[in-house]
């Protein structure tokens, strides 16, 4: 078969919506390897085919492909989790700032207290989320999957955090105290998103959307990570030098407990909604109407 014919076959299959992988070993496979979404070259093949391929099968062993696929899926799952955390925080920060501007409130964040929020909700958890990534099936629409989590979650966080900030200012509290209350409740809510984002809970949400009444297992390591981040935040809030460094005012114990309870109730409600599959069924219904 001529090299151009191989490339046309790959191109035709791609045009029909297929995801193409091409395995080759010679110069005549170069066009097809470059045209396919995934190119694998044999180690014993030509240097040119190895140069254009995505991976090279060492020892010409096809048995390596499942392991390569699993590693690729782990990478994508880790990217999915970390990207969702980062985008969620970006969106709810934006919503809180815009909401404060619309209500005529003082700017809600300072660079230093924002750094504490970033450390506890995104910085450290993002590293762990990538580390425990699993070789699960990758979503067909990466950006869509991330946005379907990040946008509703951001609105849910802002719906709790912004009223807390507004109420503290309305009660005559100083801007520094109101900001501390805002950082506290936003941190609690942001941390509680970690177990909701976990792989098994995403799968349980999809299962509930397809088969109402079905419930998947709960991921306990993300819940323990969330608890560890809340404990870290508590330690930092208890240390005077940390409060000075992050520009945080101490809150009365009663206020901190009330914010913690409100955040816990919020987390349970969001968790229940996600696992019920309501969001996924609503998206499916909207998609059907659009078609």
Protein backbone atom coordinates (compact mmCIF):
# COMPACT_ATOMS: atom_id res chain seq x y z
CA UNK A 1 0.00 0.00 0.00
CA UNK A 2 1.32 3.45 -0.87
CA UNK A 3 2.09 5.90 1.97
CA UNK A 4 -0.51 8.41 0.73
CA UNK A 5 -3.20 5.69 0.67
CA UNK A 6 -2.53 4.82 4.31
CA UNK A 7 -2.80 8.49 5.25
CA UNK A 8 -6.09 8.83 3.32
CA UNK A 9 -7.56 5.83 5.14
CA UNK A 10 -6.60 7.32 8.50
CA UNK A 11 -7.98 10.70 7.47
CA UNK A 12 -11.26 9.20 6.29
CA UNK A 13 -11.77 7.34 9.56
CA UNK A 14 -10.98 10.50 11.53
CA UNK A 15 -13.51 12.42 9.47
CA UNK A 16 -16.16 9.90 10.62
CA UNK A 17 -15.44 10.74 14.27
CA UNK A 18 -13.09 7.85 15.04
CA UNK A 19 -10.07 8.29 17.31
CA UNK A 20 -7.22 6.76 15.32
CA UNK A 21 -4.10 4.99 16.45
CA UNK A 22 -1.48 3.95 13.90
CA UNK A 23 1.36 1.48 14.41
CA UNK A 24 4.19 1.53 11.90
CA UNK A 25 7.82 0.64 11.40
CA UNK A 26 8.93 2.02 8.05
CA UNK A 27 9.31 5.23 6.07
CA UNK A 28 6.08 4.44 4.20
CA UNK A 29 4.16 4.72 7.51
CA UNK A 30 5.31 8.26 8.34
CA UNK A 31 2.34 10.08 6.76
CA UNK A 32 -0.18 7.83 8.46
CA UNK A 33 1.61 8.12 11.80
CA UNK A 34 1.47 11.91 11.57
CA UNK A 35 -2.18 11.92 10.42
CA UNK A 36 -3.44 9.70 13.25
CA UNK A 37 -4.19 11.13 16.69
CA UNK A 38 -1.82 8.56 18.16
CA UNK A 39 1.25 7.12 16.50
CA UNK A 40 3.27 4.15 17.78
CA UNK A 41 6.52 3.10 16.14
CA UNK A 42 8.35 -0.21 16.47
CA UNK A 43 11.79 -0.04 18.04
CA UNK A 44 13.18 -2.14 15.19
CA UNK A 45 11.67 0.23 12.62
CA UNK A 46 13.26 3.11 10.79
CA UNK A 47 14.65 6.15 12.62
CA UNK A 48 12.25 8.40 10.69
CA UNK A 49 9.16 6.52 11.90
CA UNK A 50 10.43 6.60 15.49
CA UNK A 51 11.02 10.34 15.19
CA UNK A 52 7.42 11.20 14.21
CA UNK A 53 5.65 8.70 16.49
CA UNK A 54 4.19 9.60 19.89
CA UNK A 55 5.67 6.51 21.54
CA UNK A 56 8.11 3.76 20.58
CA UNK A 57 7.35 0.13 21.48
CA UNK A 58 10.54 -1.12 23.13
CA UNK A 59 11.43 -4.59 21.95
CA UNK A 60 8.49 -4.37 19.50
CA UNK A 61 6.23 -5.52 22.37
CA UNK A 62 2.54 -4.74 21.90
CA UNK A 63 2.00 -5.83 25.52
CA UNK A 64 3.37 -2.42 26.58
CA UNK A 65 0.39 -0.59 25.09
CA UNK A 66 -2.11 -1.29 27.93
CA UNK A 67 0.42 0.04 30.44
CA UNK A 68 0.98 3.15 28.32
CA UNK A 69 -2.78 3.72 28.07
CA UNK A 70 -3.14 3.35 31.85
CA UNK A 71 -0.39 5.88 32.50
CA UNK A 72 -1.96 8.30 30.05
CA UNK A 73 -5.34 7.96 31.75
CA UNK A 74 -3.74 8.63 35.14
CA UNK A 75 -2.17 11.82 33.78
CA UNK A 76 -5.48 13.02 32.36
CA UNK A 77 -7.35 12.20 35.58
CA UNK A 78 -4.78 14.17 37.58
CA UNK A 79 -5.06 17.10 35.17
CA UNK A 80 -8.84 16.93 35.42
CA UNK A 81 -8.83 17.12 39.22
CA UNK A 82 -6.24 19.88 39.55
CA UNK A 83 -7.77 21.95 36.73
CA UNK A 84 -11.23 21.67 38.28
CA UNK A 85 -9.92 22.90 41.65
CA UNK A 86 -8.07 25.83 40.09
CA UNK A 87 -10.93 26.92 37.84
CA UNK A 88 -13.50 26.58 40.62
CA UNK A 89 -11.46 28.86 42.86
CA UNK A 90 -10.93 31.33 40.02
CA UNK A 91 -14.65 31.46 39.27
CA UNK A 92 -15.88 31.87 42.85
CA UNK A 93 -13.25 34.53 43.56
CA UNK A 94 -14.47 36.40 40.48
CA UNK A 95 -18.12 36.02 41.51
CA UNK A 96 -17.42 37.26 45.04
CA UNK A 97 -15.47 40.28 43.77
CA UNK A 98 -18.18 41.13 41.21
CA UNK A 99 -20.92 40.64 43.79
CA UNK A 100 -19.13 42.92 46.27
CA UNK A 101 -18.75 45.57 43.56
CA UNK A 102 -22.45 45.39 42.64
CA UNK A 103 -23.47 45.69 46.32
CA UNK A 104 -21.05 48.58 46.87
CA UNK A 105 -18.98 46.67 49.44
CA UNK A 106 -15.29 47.11 50.16
CA UNK A 107 -13.00 44.95 48.03
CA UNK A 108 -13.23 41.54 49.74
CA UNK A 109 -9.69 40.18 49.47
CA UNK A 110 -6.13 41.29 50.09
CA UNK A 111 -3.14 39.61 48.42
CA UNK A 112 -1.99 38.13 51.74
CA UNK A 113 -5.25 36.60 52.91
CA UNK A 114 -5.86 35.40 49.35
CA UNK A 115 -2.54 33.52 49.52
CA UNK A 116 -3.83 31.61 52.57
CA UNK A 117 -6.99 30.68 50.69
CA UNK A 118 -4.93 29.53 47.69
CA UNK A 119 -2.57 27.45 49.85
CA UNK A 120 -5.28 25.49 51.66
CA UNK A 121 -7.85 25.06 48.87
CA UNK A 122 -5.68 24.69 45.76
CA UNK A 123 -1.93 24.64 46.43
CA UNK A 124 -1.47 21.62 48.70
CA UNK A 125 -4.65 19.73 47.65
CA UNK A 126 -3.73 20.11 43.98
CA UNK A 127 -0.47 18.23 44.53
CA UNK A 128 -2.23 15.39 46.34
CA UNK A 129 -5.05 15.16 43.78
CA UNK A 130 -2.47 14.67 41.03
CA UNK A 131 -0.61 12.07 43.11
CA UNK A 132 -3.67 9.85 43.66
CA UNK A 133 -4.92 10.04 40.06
CA UNK A 134 -6.26 6.74 38.74
CA UNK A 135 -6.23 5.10 35.31
CA UNK A 136 -9.97 5.66 34.78
CA UNK A 137 -11.57 6.16 31.39
CA UNK A 138 -10.85 9.68 30.17
CA UNK A 139 -13.77 11.99 29.36
CA UNK A 140 -14.44 12.68 25.70
CA UNK A 141 -14.82 16.41 26.45
CA UNK A 142 -12.13 17.48 28.93
CA UNK A 143 -13.01 21.19 29.06
CA UNK A 144 -16.74 20.48 29.22
CA UNK A 145 -16.24 18.02 32.09
CA UNK A 146 -14.19 20.55 34.06
CA UNK A 147 -16.66 23.38 33.47
CA UNK A 148 -19.64 21.22 34.42
CA UNK A 149 -18.06 20.87 37.86
CA UNK A 150 -16.36 24.25 38.25
CA UNK A 151 -19.20 26.60 37.26
CA UNK A 152 -21.98 25.21 39.52
CA UNK A 153 -19.52 24.71 42.38
CA UNK A 154 -18.28 28.31 42.07
CA UNK A 155 -21.82 29.69 42.17
CA UNK A 156 -22.55 27.49 45.21
CA UNK A 157 -19.49 28.81 47.09
CA UNK A 158 -20.22 32.43 46.18
CA UNK A 159 -23.85 32.03 47.26
CA UNK A 160 -22.63 31.32 50.82
CA UNK A 161 -19.46 33.42 51.06
CA UNK A 162 -20.76 36.73 49.71
CA UNK A 163 -23.76 36.94 52.11
CA UNK A 164 -21.42 36.20 55.06
CA UNK A 165 -19.18 39.11 54.03
CA UNK A 166 -22.16 41.43 53.51
CA UNK A 167 -23.77 40.49 56.86
CA UNK A 168 -20.58 41.13 58.83
CA UNK A 169 -20.20 44.57 57.26
CA UNK A 170 -23.89 45.34 57.80
CA UNK A 171 -23.54 44.46 61.51
CA UNK A 172 -20.80 47.08 61.87
CA UNK A 173 -17.80 44.77 61.91
CA UNK A 174 -14.51 46.14 60.63
CA UNK A 175 -13.43 45.35 57.11
CA UNK A 176 -10.57 43.20 58.46
CA UNK A 177 -12.94 41.08 60.57
CA UNK A 178 -15.40 40.75 57.68
CA UNK A 179 -12.57 39.64 55.41
CA UNK A 180 -11.47 37.08 58.01
CA UNK A 181 -15.00 35.67 58.15
CA UNK A 182 -15.12 35.60 54.36
CA UNK A 183 -11.77 33.79 54.11
CA UNK A 184 -12.87 31.31 56.78
CA UNK A 185 -16.15 30.29 55.16
CA UNK A 186 -14.64 30.32 51.65
CA UNK A 187 -11.77 28.10 52.80
CA UNK A 188 -14.15 25.64 54.46
CA UNK A 189 -16.36 25.45 51.36
CA UNK A 190 -13.39 25.25 48.98
CA UNK A 191 -11.85 22.40 50.98
CA UNK A 192 -15.14 20.49 51.11
CA UNK A 193 -15.15 20.45 47.30
CA UNK A 194 -12.16 18.06 47.36
CA UNK A 195 -14.10 14.88 48.29
CA UNK A 196 -16.96 15.95 46.01
CA UNK A 197 -14.48 16.17 43.13
CA UNK A 198 -12.97 12.71 43.75
CA UNK A 199 -13.01 10.13 40.98
CA UNK A 200 -15.47 7.72 42.56
CA UNK A 201 -17.92 10.49 43.39
CA UNK A 202 -17.80 11.77 39.80
CA UNK A 203 -18.57 8.23 38.67
CA UNK A 204 -21.35 7.88 41.24
CA UNK A 205 -22.93 11.10 39.96
CA UNK A 206 -22.92 9.78 36.40
CA UNK A 207 -24.31 6.40 37.51
CA UNK A 208 -27.11 8.14 39.39
CA UNK A 209 -27.96 10.17 36.29
CA UNK A 210 -28.13 7.04 34.12
CA UNK A 211 -29.65 4.72 36.72
CA UNK A 212 -31.57 6.55 39.47
CA UNK A 213 -31.13 4.92 42.85
CA UNK A 214 -27.65 3.57 42.12
CA UNK A 215 -24.93 4.78 44.51
CA UNK A 216 -21.22 4.25 44.14
CA UNK A 217 -18.62 3.96 46.92
CA UNK A 218 -17.43 7.02 48.82
CA UNK A 219 -13.75 7.94 48.48
CA UNK A 220 -12.37 8.28 52.02
CA UNK A 221 -8.82 9.54 51.23
CA UNK A 222 -10.17 12.83 49.74
CA UNK A 223 -12.34 13.26 52.84
CA UNK A 224 -9.27 12.79 55.04
CA UNK A 225 -7.37 15.30 52.90
CA UNK A 226 -10.18 17.82 53.36
CA UNK A 227 -10.07 17.25 57.13
CA UNK A 228 -6.29 17.74 57.12
CA UNK A 229 -6.61 21.04 55.23
CA UNK A 230 -9.26 22.30 57.67
CA UNK A 231 -6.98 21.33 60.56
CA UNK A 232 -4.08 23.18 58.90
CA UNK A 233 -6.25 26.27 58.49
CA UNK A 234 -7.22 26.05 62.17
CA UNK A 235 -3.58 25.82 63.24
CA UNK A 236 -2.64 28.83 61.10
CA UNK A 237 -5.54 30.83 62.50
CA UNK A 238 -4.43 29.94 66.05
CA UNK A 239 -0.84 31.13 65.56
CA UNK A 240 -0.35 34.90 65.99
CA UNK A 241 2.62 34.96 63.62
CA UNK A 242 0.57 33.18 60.92
CA UNK A 243 -2.34 35.57 61.38
CA UNK A 244 0.06 38.50 61.04
CA UNK A 245 1.72 37.00 57.96
CA UNK A 246 -1.59 36.29 56.20
CA UNK A 247 -3.25 39.53 57.43
CA UNK A 248 -6.10 37.68 59.19
CA UNK A 249 -8.01 38.93 62.22
CA UNK A 250 -8.99 36.35 64.87
CA UNK A 251 -12.68 35.51 65.02
CA UNK A 252 -14.66 34.78 68.20
CA UNK A 253 -14.98 31.05 68.86
CA UNK A 254 -18.76 31.23 68.46
CA UNK A 255 -18.44 32.89 65.05
CA UNK A 256 -15.86 30.37 63.85
CA UNK A 257 -18.05 27.47 65.04
CA UNK A 258 -21.13 28.94 63.33
CA UNK A 259 -19.22 29.37 60.05
CA UNK A 260 -17.91 25.80 60.30
CA UNK A 261 -21.40 24.39 60.87
CA UNK A 262 -22.85 26.44 58.01
CA UNK A 263 -20.06 25.22 55.72
CA UNK A 264 -20.61 21.60 56.78
CA UNK A 265 -24.34 21.88 56.02
CA UNK A 266 -23.49 23.47 52.67
CA UNK A 267 -21.04 20.65 51.86
CA UNK A 268 -23.57 17.93 52.69
CA UNK A 269 -26.19 19.63 50.51
CA UNK A 270 -23.82 19.98 47.54
CA UNK A 271 -22.59 16.41 47.98
CA UNK A 272 -26.16 15.09 48.01
CA UNK A 273 -27.09 17.07 44.90
CA UNK A 274 -24.01 15.89 43.00
CA UNK A 275 -24.51 12.23 43.91
CA UNK A 276 -28.22 12.35 43.14
CA UNK A 277 -27.40 12.92 39.47
CA UNK A 278 -29.82 15.86 39.22
CA UNK A 279 -27.23 18.08 37.56
CA UNK A 280 -26.30 15.43 35.00
CA UNK A 281 -29.94 14.64 34.21
CA UNK A 282 -30.65 18.35 33.76
CA UNK A 283 -27.68 18.67 31.40
CA UNK A 284 -28.89 15.65 29.43
CA UNK A 285 -32.40 17.12 29.15
CA UNK A 286 -31.03 20.45 27.95
CA UNK A 287 -28.86 18.64 25.42
CA UNK A 288 -31.83 16.67 24.10
CA UNK A 289 -33.88 19.85 23.66
CA UNK A 290 -30.99 21.56 21.91
CA UNK A 291 -30.80 18.70 19.40
